[in-house]
Amino acid sequence: MSEFYLYIIGLGNIDYNDLSTMNKGALDQIYQNLSSLLGKGVENKECAVLYVKGLEDENIKVQMLYNIFSNFGNIKKIIFIRRQAAALIEYENVEYATKAKDYLNNIVFMGKPLRVIFTK
């Protein structure tokens, strides 16, 4: 059996066997820390604000985002962060945001797949 080691900031090297003896709370905390560092893992709970990545094309405008995302409900605010190729889109309620996320996550927009997640 190959050995598996994990290095976690603040905890140092952790042997895989040590993980089996940790309590659930400690393991959940490690998982959350790793998820946020890697940008992966369990997405946050549903909320009215979506984080949209994959907006690299220079021709993308806020109005284009509004035209697409408003099909799923009333939008309160859009913040387009061009240097991060991302946007924050706030809906009037969680149901609108959930519907938009369900339909638009992973669709190809301007040649790139969109990654739509709930914010923290």
PDB file of N, CA and C in Angstrom:
ATOM      1  N   MET A   1       0.842  -1.173   0.000  1.00  0.00           N
ATOM      2  CA  MET A   1       0.000   0.000   0.000  1.00  0.00           C
ATOM      3  C   MET A   1       0.892   1.242   0.000  1.00  0.00           C
ATOM      4  N   SER A   2       0.577   2.191  -0.861  1.00  0.00           N
ATOM      5  CA  SER A   2       1.386   3.405  -0.907  1.00  0.00           C
ATOM      6  C   SER A   2       0.998   4.327   0.242  1.00  0.00           C
ATOM      7  N   GLU A   3       1.952   5.104   0.673  1.00  0.00           N
ATOM      8  CA  GLU A   3       1.689   6.030   1.769  1.00  0.00           C
ATOM      9  C   GLU A   3       1.102   7.316   1.202  1.00  0.00           C
ATOM     10  N   PHE A   4       0.226   7.896   1.955  1.00  0.00           N
ATOM     11  CA  PHE A   4      -0.423   9.131   1.543  1.00  0.00           C
ATOM     12  C   PHE A   4      -0.202  10.165   2.639  1.00  0.00           C
ATOM     13  N   TYR A   5       0.425  11.272   2.270  1.00  0.00           N
ATOM     14  CA  TYR A   5       0.657  12.349   3.220  1.00  0.00           C
ATOM     15  C   TYR A   5       0.007  13.617   2.710  1.00  0.00           C
ATOM     16  N   LEU A   6      -0.431  14.418   3.629  1.00  0.00           N
ATOM     17  CA  LEU A   6      -1.071  15.670   3.331  1.00  0.00           C
ATOM     18  C   LEU A   6      -0.315  16.745   4.090  1.00  0.00           C
ATOM     19  N   TYR A   7      -0.046  17.862   3.440  1.00  0.00           N
ATOM     20  CA  TYR A   7       0.554  18.972   4.155  1.00  0.00           C
ATOM     21  C   TYR A   7      -0.502  20.056   4.253  1.00  0.00           C
ATOM     22  N   ILE A   8      -0.861  20.413   5.455  1.00  0.00           N
ATOM     23  CA  ILE A   8      -1.874  21.436   5.679  1.00  0.00           C
ATOM     24  C   ILE A   8      -1.224  22.574   6.440  1.00  0.00           C
ATOM     25  N   ILE A   9      -1.390  23.768   5.906  1.00  0.00           N
ATOM     26  CA  ILE A   9      -0.808  24.949   6.536  1.00  0.00           C
ATOM     27  C   ILE A   9      -1.267  25.011   7.987  1.00  0.00           C
ATOM     28  N   GLY A  10      -0.337  25.151   8.876  1.00  0.00           N
ATOM     29  CA  GLY A  10      -0.651  25.233  10.297  1.00  0.00           C
ATOM     30  C   GLY A  10      -0.670  23.875  10.988  1.00  0.00           C
ATOM     31  N   LEU A  11      -0.787  22.796  10.215  1.00  0.00           N
ATOM     32  CA  LEU A  11      -0.813  21.477  10.821  1.00  0.00           C
ATOM     33  C   LEU A  11       0.387  20.638  10.415  1.00  0.00           C
ATOM     34  N   GLY A  12       1.089  21.049   9.373  1.00  0.00           N
ATOM     35  CA  GLY A  12       2.239  20.289   8.904  1.00  0.00           C
ATOM     36  C   GLY A  12       1.825  19.023   8.185  1.00  0.00           C
ATOM     37  N   ASN A  13       2.707  18.029   8.184  1.00  0.00           N
ATOM     38  CA  ASN A  13       2.404  16.757   7.520  1.00  0.00           C
ATOM     39  C   ASN A  13       1.441  15.942   8.358  1.00  0.00           C
ATOM     40  N   ILE A  14       0.458  15.383   7.687  1.00  0.00           N
ATOM     41  CA  ILE A  14      -0.508  14.518   8.352  1.00  0.00           C
ATOM     42  C   ILE A  14      -0.501  13.189   7.621  1.00  0.00           C
ATOM     43  N   ASP A  15      -0.269  12.140   8.347  1.00  0.00           N
ATOM     44  CA  ASP A  15      -0.311  10.793   7.777  1.00  0.00           C
ATOM     45  C   ASP A  15      -1.769  10.428   7.533  1.00  0.00           C
ATOM     46  N   TYR A  16      -2.028   9.757   6.426  1.00  0.00           N
ATOM     47  CA  TYR A  16      -3.381   9.338   6.094  1.00  0.00           C
ATOM     48  C   TYR A  16      -4.011   8.554   7.244  1.00  0.00           C
ATOM     49  N   ASN A  17      -3.238   7.730   7.919  1.00  0.00           N
ATOM     50  CA  ASN A  17      -3.765   6.935   9.030  1.00  0.00           C
ATOM     51  C   ASN A  17      -4.246   7.830  10.176  1.00  0.00           C
ATOM     52  N   ASP A  18      -3.605   8.996  10.359  1.00  0.00           N
ATOM     53  CA  ASP A  18      -4.035   9.922  11.400  1.00  0.00           C
ATOM     54  C   ASP A  18      -5.434  10.474  11.116  1.00  0.00           C
ATOM     55  N   LEU A  19      -5.786  10.604   9.833  1.00  0.00           N
ATOM     56  CA  LEU A  19      -7.098  11.147   9.481  1.00  0.00           C
ATOM     57  C   LEU A  19      -8.221  10.254  10.001  1.00  0.00           C
ATOM     58  N   SER A  20      -7.975   8.948  10.020  1.00  0.00           N
ATOM     59  CA  SER A  20      -9.027   8.026  10.456  1.00  0.00           C
ATOM     60  C   SER A  20      -9.301   8.138  11.954  1.00  0.00           C
ATOM     61  N   THR A  21      -8.376   8.708  12.704  1.00  0.00           N
ATOM     62  CA  THR A  21      -8.582   8.839  14.147  1.00  0.00           C
ATOM     63  C   THR A  21      -9.085  10.224  14.546  1.00  0.00           C
ATOM     64  N   MET A  22      -9.163  11.152  13.593  1.00  0.00           N
ATOM     65  CA  MET A  22      -9.637  12.511  13.902  1.00  0.00           C
ATOM     66  C   MET A  22     -11.150  12.528  14.041  1.00  0.00           C
ATOM     67  N   ASN A  23     -11.640  13.454  14.862  1.00  0.00           N
ATOM     68  CA  ASN A  23     -13.090  13.566  14.999  1.00  0.00           C
ATOM     69  C   ASN A  23     -13.685  14.262  13.771  1.00  0.00           C
ATOM     70  N   LYS A  24     -14.991  14.126  13.603  1.00  0.00           N
ATOM     71  CA  LYS A  24     -15.658  14.644  12.419  1.00  0.00           C
ATOM     72  C   LYS A  24     -15.472  16.153  12.270  1.00  0.00           C
ATOM     73  N   GLY A  25     -15.533  16.890  13.353  1.00  0.00           N
ATOM     74  CA  GLY A  25     -15.369  18.344  13.292  1.00  0.00           C
ATOM     75  C   GLY A  25     -14.013  18.752  12.732  1.00  0.00           C
ATOM     76  N   ALA A  26     -12.962  18.068  13.177  1.00  0.00           N
ATOM     77  CA  ALA A  26     -11.612  18.373  12.685  1.00  0.00           C
ATOM     78  C   ALA A  26     -11.488  18.035  11.205  1.00  0.00           C
ATOM     79  N   LEU A  27     -12.054  16.897  10.807  1.00  0.00           N
ATOM     80  CA  LEU A  27     -12.004  16.512   9.392  1.00  0.00           C
ATOM     81  C   LEU A  27     -12.793  17.485   8.524  1.00  0.00           C
ATOM     82  N   ASP A  28     -13.951  17.929   9.002  1.00  0.00           N
ATOM     83  CA  ASP A  28     -14.744  18.905   8.254  1.00  0.00           C
ATOM     84  C   ASP A  28     -13.979  20.206   8.076  1.00  0.00           C
ATOM     85  N   GLN A  29     -13.282  20.635   9.129  1.00  0.00           N
ATOM     86  CA  GLN A  29     -12.505  21.873   9.050  1.00  0.00           C
ATOM     87  C   GLN A  29     -11.366  21.731   8.034  1.00  0.00           C
ATOM     88  N   ILE A  30     -10.683  20.605   8.043  1.00  0.00           N
ATOM     89  CA  ILE A  30      -9.606  20.365   7.077  1.00  0.00           C
ATOM     90  C   ILE A  30     -10.169  20.380   5.660  1.00  0.00           C
ATOM     91  N   TYR A  31     -11.298  19.710   5.461  1.00  0.00           N
ATOM     92  CA  TYR A  31     -11.922  19.656   4.140  1.00  0.00           C
ATOM     93  C   TYR A  31     -12.300  21.053   3.668  1.00  0.00           C
ATOM     94  N   GLN A  32     -12.905  21.855   4.541  1.00  0.00           N
ATOM     95  CA  GLN A  32     -13.291  23.215   4.164  1.00  0.00           C
ATOM     96  C   GLN A  32     -12.068  24.056   3.816  1.00  0.00           C
ATOM     97  N   ASN A  33     -10.991  23.924   4.608  1.00  0.00           N
ATOM     98  CA  ASN A  33      -9.770  24.677   4.327  1.00  0.00           C
ATOM     99  C   ASN A  33      -9.185  24.282   2.975  1.00  0.00           C
ATOM    100  N   LEU A  34      -9.134  22.989   2.713  1.00  0.00           N
ATOM    101  CA  LEU A  34      -8.610  22.525   1.425  1.00  0.00           C
ATOM    102  C   LEU A  34      -9.504  22.964   0.278  1.00  0.00           C
ATOM    103  N   SER A  35     -10.807  22.897   0.473  1.00  0.00           N
ATOM    104  CA  SER A  35     -11.742  23.295  -0.570  1.00  0.00           C
ATOM    105  C   SER A  35     -11.551  24.755  -0.934  1.00  0.00           C
ATOM    106  N   SER A  36     -11.390  25.613   0.097  1.00  0.00           N
ATOM    107  CA  SER A  36     -11.220  27.018  -0.236  1.00  0.00           C
ATOM    108  C   SER A  36      -9.874  27.304  -0.867  1.00  0.00           C
ATOM    109  N   LEU A  37      -8.847  26.581  -0.446  1.00  0.00           N
ATOM    110  CA  LEU A  37      -7.532  26.775  -1.061  1.00  0.00           C
ATOM    111  C   LEU A  37      -7.533  26.334  -2.519  1.00  0.00           C
ATOM    112  N   LEU A  38      -8.213  25.245  -2.813  1.00  0.00           N
ATOM    113  CA  LEU A  38      -8.216  24.687  -4.160  1.00  0.00           C
ATOM    114  C   LEU A  38      -9.357  25.222  -5.017  1.00  0.00           C
ATOM    115  N   GLY A  39     -10.304  25.911  -4.402  1.00  0.00           N
ATOM    116  CA  GLY A  39     -11.451  26.391  -5.146  1.00  0.00           C
ATOM    117  C   GLY A  39     -12.368  25.265  -5.587  1.00  0.00           C
ATOM    118  N   LYS A  40     -12.344  24.185  -4.847  1.00  0.00           N
ATOM    119  CA  LYS A  40     -13.140  23.009  -5.208  1.00  0.00           C
ATOM    120  C   LYS A  40     -13.931  22.558  -3.997  1.00  0.00           C
ATOM    121  N   GLY A  41     -14.622  21.455  -4.212  1.00  0.00           N
ATOM    122  CA  GLY A  41     -15.309  20.817  -3.105  1.00  0.00           C
ATOM    123  C   GLY A  41     -16.754  21.213  -3.022  1.00  0.00           C
ATOM    124  N   VAL A  42     -17.286  21.061  -1.856  1.00  0.00           N
ATOM    125  CA  VAL A  42     -18.694  21.327  -1.648  1.00  0.00           C
ATOM    126  C   VAL A  42     -18.957  22.806  -1.838  1.00  0.00           C
ATOM    127  N   GLU A  43     -19.925  23.109  -2.681  1.00  0.00           N
ATOM    128  CA  GLU A  43     -20.270  24.504  -2.894  1.00  0.00           C
ATOM    129  C   GLU A  43     -21.044  25.018  -1.691  1.00  0.00           C
ATOM    130  N   ASN A  44     -21.054  26.314  -1.569  1.00  0.00           N
ATOM    131  CA  ASN A  44     -21.723  26.926  -0.442  1.00  0.00           C
ATOM    132  C   ASN A  44     -23.230  26.755  -0.542  1.00  0.00           C
ATOM    133  N   LYS A  45     -23.888  27.018   0.542  1.00  0.00           N
ATOM    134  CA  LYS A  45     -25.341  26.929   0.582  1.00  0.00           C
ATOM    135  C   LYS A  45     -25.937  27.921  -0.403  1.00  0.00           C
ATOM    136  N   GLU A  46     -27.144  27.613  -0.818  1.00  0.00           N
ATOM    137  CA  GLU A  46     -27.830  28.482  -1.759  1.00  0.00           C
ATOM    138  C   GLU A  46     -27.980  29.882  -1.175  1.00  0.00           C
ATOM    139  N   CYS A  47     -27.802  30.871  -2.026  1.00  0.00           N
ATOM    140  CA  CYS A  47     -28.000  32.263  -1.638  1.00  0.00           C
ATOM    141  C   CYS A  47     -28.393  33.040  -2.886  1.00  0.00           C
ATOM    142  N   ALA A  48     -28.680  34.312  -2.736  1.00  0.00           N
ATOM    143  CA  ALA A  48     -29.173  35.119  -3.849  1.00  0.00           C
ATOM    144  C   ALA A  48     -28.059  35.690  -4.723  1.00  0.00           C
ATOM    145  N   VAL A  49     -26.799  35.463  -4.350  1.00  0.00           N
ATOM    146  CA  VAL A  49     -25.676  36.021  -5.112  1.00  0.00           C
ATOM    147  C   VAL A  49     -24.875  34.894  -5.741  1.00  0.00           C
ATOM    148  N   LEU A  50     -24.633  35.037  -7.049  1.00  0.00           N
ATOM    149  CA  LEU A  50     -23.844  34.063  -7.797  1.00  0.00           C
ATOM    150  C   LEU A  50     -22.490  34.640  -8.149  1.00  0.00           C
ATOM    151  N   TYR A  51     -21.478  33.784  -8.154  1.00  0.00           N
ATOM    152  CA  TYR A  51     -20.146  34.135  -8.629  1.00  0.00           C
ATOM    153  C   TYR A  51     -19.989  33.426  -9.963  1.00  0.00           C
ATOM    154  N   VAL A  52     -19.706  34.181 -11.008  1.00  0.00           N
ATOM    155  CA  VAL A  52     -19.605  33.642 -12.359  1.00  0.00           C
ATOM    156  C   VAL A  52     -18.175  33.814 -12.847  1.00  0.00           C
ATOM    157  N   LYS A  53     -17.540  32.696 -13.202  1.00  0.00           N
ATOM    158  CA  LYS A  53     -16.177  32.714 -13.743  1.00  0.00           C
ATOM    159  C   LYS A  53     -16.233  32.282 -15.210  1.00  0.00           C
ATOM    160  N   GLY A  54     -15.181  32.603 -15.956  1.00  0.00           N
ATOM    161  CA  GLY A  54     -15.104  32.205 -17.355  1.00  0.00           C
ATOM    162  C   GLY A  54     -15.452  33.336 -18.307  1.00  0.00           C
ATOM    163  N   LEU A  55     -15.295  34.565 -17.852  1.00  0.00           N
ATOM    164  CA  LEU A  55     -15.660  35.732 -18.656  1.00  0.00           C
ATOM    165  C   LEU A  55     -14.416  36.397 -19.245  1.00  0.00           C
ATOM    166  N   GLU A  56     -13.548  35.608 -19.890  1.00  0.00           N
ATOM    167  CA  GLU A  56     -12.269  36.104 -20.375  1.00  0.00           C
ATOM    168  C   GLU A  56     -12.361  36.983 -21.617  1.00  0.00           C
ATOM    169  N   ASP A  57     -13.366  36.788 -22.446  1.00  0.00           N
ATOM    170  CA  ASP A  57     -13.460  37.525 -23.704  1.00  0.00           C
ATOM    171  C   ASP A  57     -13.552  39.029 -23.454  1.00  0.00           C
ATOM    172  N   GLU A  58     -12.728  39.801 -24.160  1.00  0.00           N
ATOM    173  CA  GLU A  58     -12.690  41.256 -23.971  1.00  0.00           C
ATOM    174  C   GLU A  58     -13.970  41.951 -24.424  1.00  0.00           C
ATOM    175  N   ASN A  59     -14.748  41.292 -25.255  1.00  0.00           N
ATOM    176  CA  ASN A  59     -15.968  41.899 -25.789  1.00  0.00           C
ATOM    177  C   ASN A  59     -17.183  41.746 -24.869  1.00  0.00           C
ATOM    178  N   ILE A  60     -17.028  41.040 -23.766  1.00  0.00           N
ATOM    179  CA  ILE A  60     -18.147  40.854 -22.835  1.00  0.00           C
ATOM    180  C   ILE A  60     -18.460  42.170 -22.136  1.00  0.00           C
ATOM    181  N   LYS A  61     -19.737  42.514 -22.130  1.00  0.00           N
ATOM    182  CA  LYS A  61     -20.219  43.737 -21.478  1.00  0.00           C
ATOM    183  C   LYS A  61     -21.227  43.361 -20.388  1.00  0.00           C
ATOM    184  N   VAL A  62     -21.414  44.248 -19.436  1.00  0.00           N
ATOM    185  CA  VAL A  62     -22.361  44.029 -18.351  1.00  0.00           C
ATOM    186  C   VAL A  62     -23.763  43.799 -18.916  1.00  0.00           C
ATOM    187  N   GLN A  63     -24.130  44.539 -19.949  1.00  0.00           N
ATOM    188  CA  GLN A  63     -25.458  44.396 -20.545  1.00  0.00           C
ATOM    189  C   GLN A  63     -25.679  42.976 -21.083  1.00  0.00           C
ATOM    190  N   MET A  64     -24.619  42.362 -21.610  1.00  0.00           N
ATOM    191  CA  MET A  64     -24.719  40.989 -22.104  1.00  0.00           C
ATOM    192  C   MET A  64     -25.019  40.032 -20.946  1.00  0.00           C
ATOM    193  N   LEU A  65     -24.334  40.235 -19.839  1.00  0.00           N
ATOM    194  CA  LEU A  65     -24.573  39.401 -18.661  1.00  0.00           C
ATOM    195  C   LEU A  65     -26.005  39.586 -18.157  1.00  0.00           C
ATOM    196  N   TYR A  66     -26.438  40.830 -18.141  1.00  0.00           N
ATOM    197  CA  TYR A  66     -27.806  41.121 -17.706  1.00  0.00           C
ATOM    198  C   TYR A  66     -28.817  40.415 -18.612  1.00  0.00           C
ATOM    199  N   ASN A  67     -28.598  40.493 -19.923  1.00  0.00           N
ATOM    200  CA  ASN A  67     -29.529  39.886 -20.877  1.00  0.00           C
ATOM    201  C   ASN A  67     -29.639  38.373 -20.683  1.00  0.00           C
ATOM    202  N   ILE A  68     -28.559  37.733 -20.331  1.00  0.00           N
ATOM    203  CA  ILE A  68     -28.570  36.283 -20.128  1.00  0.00           C
ATOM    204  C   ILE A  68     -29.164  35.924 -18.767  1.00  0.00           C
ATOM    205  N   PHE A  69     -28.628  36.530 -17.718  1.00  0.00           N
ATOM    206  CA  PHE A  69     -29.000  36.134 -16.358  1.00  0.00           C
ATOM    207  C   PHE A  69     -30.392  36.628 -15.944  1.00  0.00           C
ATOM    208  N   SER A  70     -30.894  37.682 -16.558  1.00  0.00           N
ATOM    209  CA  SER A  70     -32.223  38.188 -16.179  1.00  0.00           C
ATOM    210  C   SER A  70     -33.347  37.286 -16.679  1.00  0.00           C
ATOM    211  N   ASN A  71     -33.045  36.334 -17.535  1.00  0.00           N
ATOM    212  CA  ASN A  71     -34.050  35.370 -17.983  1.00  0.00           C
ATOM    213  C   ASN A  71     -34.539  34.477 -16.838  1.00  0.00           C
ATOM    214  N   PHE A  72     -33.822  34.465 -15.737  1.00  0.00           N
ATOM    215  CA  PHE A  72     -34.147  33.569 -14.634  1.00  0.00           C
ATOM    216  C   PHE A  72     -34.738  34.298 -13.430  1.00  0.00           C
ATOM    217  N   GLY A  73     -34.847  35.618 -13.511  1.00  0.00           N
ATOM    218  CA  GLY A  73     -35.444  36.377 -12.417  1.00  0.00           C
ATOM    219  C   GLY A  73     -34.897  37.792 -12.365  1.00  0.00           C
ATOM    220  N   ASN A  74     -35.484  38.580 -11.478  1.00  0.00           N
ATOM    221  CA  ASN A  74     -35.084  39.981 -11.342  1.00  0.00           C
ATOM    222  C   ASN A  74     -33.715  40.094 -10.690  1.00  0.00           C
ATOM    223  N   ILE A  75     -32.860  40.892 -11.313  1.00  0.00           N
ATOM    224  CA  ILE A  75     -31.492  41.103 -10.829  1.00  0.00           C
ATOM    225  C   ILE A  75     -31.429  42.436 -10.095  1.00  0.00           C
ATOM    226  N   LYS A  76     -30.823  42.416  -8.910  1.00  0.00           N
ATOM    227  CA  LYS A  76     -30.632  43.644  -8.139  1.00  0.00           C
ATOM    228  C   LYS A  76     -29.339  44.352  -8.522  1.00  0.00           C
ATOM    229  N   LYS A  77     -28.272  43.540  -8.759  1.00  0.00           N
ATOM    230  CA  LYS A  77     -26.967  44.162  -8.990  1.00  0.00           C
ATOM    231  C   LYS A  77     -26.057  43.201  -9.748  1.00  0.00           C
ATOM    232  N   ILE A  78     -25.228  43.774 -10.630  1.00  0.00           N
ATOM    233  CA  ILE A  78     -24.174  43.012 -11.302  1.00  0.00           C
ATOM    234  C   ILE A  78     -22.868  43.758 -11.100  1.00  0.00           C
ATOM    235  N   ILE A  79     -21.867  43.049 -10.622  1.00  0.00           N
ATOM    236  CA  ILE A  79     -20.515  43.609 -10.506  1.00  0.00           C
ATOM    237  C   ILE A  79     -19.616  42.776 -11.405  1.00  0.00           C
ATOM    238  N   PHE A  80     -19.110  43.396 -12.457  1.00  0.00           N
ATOM    239  CA  PHE A  80     -18.246  42.711 -13.421  1.00  0.00           C
ATOM    240  C   PHE A  80     -16.799  43.030 -13.057  1.00  0.00           C
ATOM    241  N   ILE A  81     -16.021  42.007 -12.750  1.00  0.00           N
ATOM    242  CA  ILE A  81     -14.622  42.170 -12.352  1.00  0.00           C
ATOM    243  C   ILE A  81     -13.762  41.669 -13.518  1.00  0.00           C
ATOM    244  N   ARG A  82     -13.505  42.555 -14.452  1.00  0.00           N
ATOM    245  CA  ARG A  82     -12.846  42.177 -15.702  1.00  0.00           C
ATOM    246  C   ARG A  82     -11.471  41.548 -15.470  1.00  0.00           C
ATOM    247  N   ARG A  83     -10.660  42.094 -14.579  1.00  0.00           N
ATOM    248  CA  ARG A  83      -9.300  41.568 -14.401  1.00  0.00           C
ATOM    249  C   ARG A  83      -9.296  40.140 -13.837  1.00  0.00           C
ATOM    250  N   GLN A  84     -10.407  39.738 -13.216  1.00  0.00           N
ATOM    251  CA  GLN A  84     -10.541  38.359 -12.729  1.00  0.00           C
ATOM    252  C   GLN A  84     -11.399  37.512 -13.656  1.00  0.00           C
ATOM    253  N   ALA A  85     -11.877  38.122 -14.740  1.00  0.00           N
ATOM    254  CA  ALA A  85     -12.754  37.446 -15.700  1.00  0.00           C
ATOM    255  C   ALA A  85     -13.948  36.817 -14.979  1.00  0.00           C
ATOM    256  N   ALA A  86     -14.543  37.604 -14.069  1.00  0.00           N
ATOM    257  CA  ALA A  86     -15.617  37.086 -13.229  1.00  0.00           C
ATOM    258  C   ALA A  86     -16.653  38.179 -12.965  1.00  0.00           C
ATOM    259  N   ALA A  87     -17.793  37.744 -12.443  1.00  0.00           N
ATOM    260  CA  ALA A  87     -18.851  38.684 -12.075  1.00  0.00           C
ATOM    261  C   ALA A  87     -19.594  38.171 -10.856  1.00  0.00           C
ATOM    262  N   LEU A  88     -20.138  39.107 -10.101  1.00  0.00           N
ATOM    263  CA  LEU A  88     -21.057  38.801  -9.010  1.00  0.00           C
ATOM    264  C   LEU A  88     -22.429  39.267  -9.468  1.00  0.00           C
ATOM    265  N   ILE A  89     -23.401  38.384  -9.384  1.00  0.00           N
ATOM    266  CA  ILE A  89     -24.753  38.715  -9.821  1.00  0.00           C
ATOM    267  C   ILE A  89     -25.700  38.463  -8.656  1.00  0.00           C
ATOM    268  N   GLU A  90     -26.361  39.542  -8.223  1.00  0.00           N
ATOM    269  CA  GLU A  90     -27.287  39.441  -7.098  1.00  0.00           C
ATOM    270  C   GLU A  90     -28.721  39.461  -7.594  1.00  0.00           C
ATOM    271  N   TYR A  91     -29.466  38.425  -7.243  1.00  0.00           N
ATOM    272  CA  TYR A  91     -30.881  38.322  -7.585  1.00  0.00           C
ATOM    273  C   TYR A  91     -31.737  38.811  -6.429  1.00  0.00           C
ATOM    274  N   GLU A  92     -33.020  39.031  -6.705  1.00  0.00           N
ATOM    275  CA  GLU A  92     -33.954  39.442  -5.658  1.00  0.00           C
ATOM    276  C   GLU A  92     -34.185  38.348  -4.633  1.00  0.00           C
ATOM    277  N   ASN A  93     -34.051  37.070  -5.056  1.00  0.00           N
ATOM    278  CA  ASN A  93     -34.247  35.987  -4.098  1.00  0.00           C
ATOM    279  C   ASN A  93     -33.434  34.755  -4.489  1.00  0.00           C
ATOM    280  N   VAL A  94     -33.374  33.819  -3.579  1.00  0.00           N
ATOM    281  CA  VAL A  94     -32.577  32.602  -3.743  1.00  0.00           C
ATOM    282  C   VAL A  94     -33.104  31.743  -4.887  1.00  0.00           C
ATOM    283  N   GLU A  95     -34.410  31.690  -5.057  1.00  0.00           N
ATOM    284  CA  GLU A  95     -34.995  30.839  -6.100  1.00  0.00           C
ATOM    285  C   GLU A  95     -34.520  31.246  -7.488  1.00  0.00           C
ATOM    286  N   TYR A  96     -34.456  32.549  -7.756  1.00  0.00           N
ATOM    287  CA  TYR A  96     -33.981  33.027  -9.054  1.00  0.00           C
ATOM    288  C   TYR A  96     -32.518  32.625  -9.267  1.00  0.00           C
ATOM    289  N   ALA A  97     -31.713  32.827  -8.227  1.00  0.00           N
ATOM    290  CA  ALA A  97     -30.289  32.489  -8.328  1.00  0.00           C
ATOM    291  C   ALA A  97     -30.094  30.992  -8.548  1.00  0.00           C
ATOM    292  N   THR A  98     -30.877  30.188  -7.854  1.00  0.00           N
ATOM    293  CA  THR A  98     -30.768  28.732  -7.992  1.00  0.00           C
ATOM    294  C   THR A  98     -31.114  28.298  -9.410  1.00  0.00           C
ATOM    295  N   LYS A  99     -32.170  28.873  -9.951  1.00  0.00           N
ATOM    296  CA  LYS A  99     -32.583  28.530 -11.306  1.00  0.00           C
ATOM    297  C   LYS A  99     -31.493  28.917 -12.318  1.00  0.00           C
ATOM    298  N   ALA A 100     -30.935  30.108 -12.160  1.00  0.00           N
ATOM    299  CA  ALA A 100     -29.872  30.560 -13.071  1.00  0.00           C
ATOM    300  C   ALA A 100     -28.650  29.653 -12.975  1.00  0.00           C
ATOM    301  N   LYS A 101     -28.264  29.306 -11.762  1.00  0.00           N
ATOM    302  CA  LYS A 101     -27.111  28.426 -11.575  1.00  0.00           C
ATOM    303  C   LYS A 101     -27.350  27.071 -12.226  1.00  0.00           C
ATOM    304  N   ASP A 102     -28.526  26.516 -12.001  1.00  0.00           N
ATOM    305  CA  ASP A 102     -28.847  25.204 -12.563  1.00  0.00           C
ATOM    306  C   ASP A 102     -28.796  25.196 -14.087  1.00  0.00           C
ATOM    307  N   TYR A 103     -29.275  26.242 -14.714  1.00  0.00           N
ATOM    308  CA  TYR A 103     -29.330  26.282 -16.175  1.00  0.00           C
ATOM    309  C   TYR A 103     -28.039  26.770 -16.832  1.00  0.00           C
ATOM    310  N   LEU A 104     -27.304  27.666 -16.171  1.00  0.00           N
ATOM    311  CA  LEU A 104     -26.168  28.312 -16.834  1.00  0.00           C
ATOM    312  C   LEU A 104     -24.800  27.755 -16.464  1.00  0.00           C
ATOM    313  N   ASN A 105     -24.694  26.993 -15.396  1.00  0.00           N
ATOM    314  CA  ASN A 105     -23.394  26.440 -15.023  1.00  0.00           C
ATOM    315  C   ASN A 105     -22.896  25.508 -16.128  1.00  0.00           C
ATOM    316  N   ASN A 106     -21.688  25.735 -16.566  1.00  0.00           N
ATOM    317  CA  ASN A 106     -20.989  24.939 -17.585  1.00  0.00           C
ATOM    318  C   ASN A 106     -21.445  25.172 -19.017  1.00  0.00           C
ATOM    319  N   ILE A 107     -22.325  26.147 -19.274  1.00  0.00           N
ATOM    320  CA  ILE A 107     -22.644  26.429 -20.676  1.00  0.00           C
ATOM    321  C   ILE A 107     -21.476  27.205 -21.288  1.00  0.00           C
ATOM    322  N   VAL A 108     -21.324  27.110 -22.594  1.00  0.00           N
ATOM    323  CA  VAL A 108     -20.254  27.839 -23.278  1.00  0.00           C
ATOM    324  C   VAL A 108     -20.781  29.215 -23.662  1.00  0.00           C
ATOM    325  N   PHE A 109     -20.068  30.243 -23.223  1.00  0.00           N
ATOM    326  CA  PHE A 109     -20.423  31.635 -23.495  1.00  0.00           C
ATOM    327  C   PHE A 109     -19.191  32.334 -24.037  1.00  0.00           C
ATOM    328  N   MET A 110     -19.299  32.864 -25.244  1.00  0.00           N
ATOM    329  CA  MET A 110     -18.181  33.561 -25.901  1.00  0.00           C
ATOM    330  C   MET A 110     -16.940  32.660 -25.950  1.00  0.00           C
ATOM    331  N   GLY A 111     -17.148  31.390 -26.234  1.00  0.00           N
ATOM    332  CA  GLY A 111     -16.050  30.452 -26.416  1.00  0.00           C
ATOM    333  C   GLY A 111     -15.484  29.826 -25.154  1.00  0.00           C
ATOM    334  N   LYS A 112     -16.005  30.176 -23.984  1.00  0.00           N
ATOM    335  CA  LYS A 112     -15.501  29.621 -22.725  1.00  0.00           C
ATOM    336  C   LYS A 112     -16.664  29.090 -21.891  1.00  0.00           C
ATOM    337  N   PRO A 113     -16.445  27.996 -21.162  1.00  0.00           N
ATOM    338  CA  PRO A 113     -17.516  27.507 -20.270  1.00  0.00           C
ATOM    339  C   PRO A 113     -17.644  28.427 -19.052  1.00  0.00           C
ATOM    340  N   LEU A 114     -18.874  28.706 -18.687  1.00  0.00           N
ATOM    341  CA  LEU A 114     -19.126  29.497 -17.481  1.00  0.00           C
ATOM    342  C   LEU A 114     -19.116  28.563 -16.275  1.00  0.00           C
ATOM    343  N   ARG A 115     -18.570  29.050 -15.194  1.00  0.00           N
ATOM    344  CA  ARG A 115     -18.625  28.322 -13.912  1.00  0.00           C
ATOM    345  C   ARG A 115     -19.456  29.217 -12.999  1.00  0.00           C
ATOM    346  N   VAL A 116     -20.630  28.738 -12.626  1.00  0.00           N
ATOM    347  CA  VAL A 116     -21.559  29.529 -11.815  1.00  0.00           C
ATOM    348  C   VAL A 116     -21.717  28.832 -10.461  1.00  0.00           C
ATOM    349  N   ILE A 117     -21.372  29.544  -9.398  1.00  0.00           N
ATOM    350  CA  ILE A 117     -21.481  28.991  -8.051  1.00  0.00           C
ATOM    351  C   ILE A 117     -22.122  30.011  -7.122  1.00  0.00           C
ATOM    352  N   PHE A 118     -22.633  29.529  -6.009  1.00  0.00           N
ATOM    353  CA  PHE A 118     -23.139  30.426  -4.980  1.00  0.00           C
ATOM    354  C   PHE A 118     -21.959  31.056  -4.257  1.00  0.00           C
ATOM    355  N   THR A 119     -22.111  32.301  -3.830  1.00  0.00           N
ATOM    356  CA  THR A 119     -21.029  32.954  -3.094  1.00  0.00           C
ATOM    357  C   THR A 119     -21.024  32.482  -1.660  1.00  0.00           C
ATOM    358  N   LYS A 120     -19.949  32.827  -0.961  1.00  0.00           N
ATOM    359  CA  LYS A 120     -19.800  32.418   0.444  1.00  0.00           C
ATOM    360  C   LYS A 120     -20.566  33.319   1.364  1.00  0.00           C
TER     361      LYS A 120
END
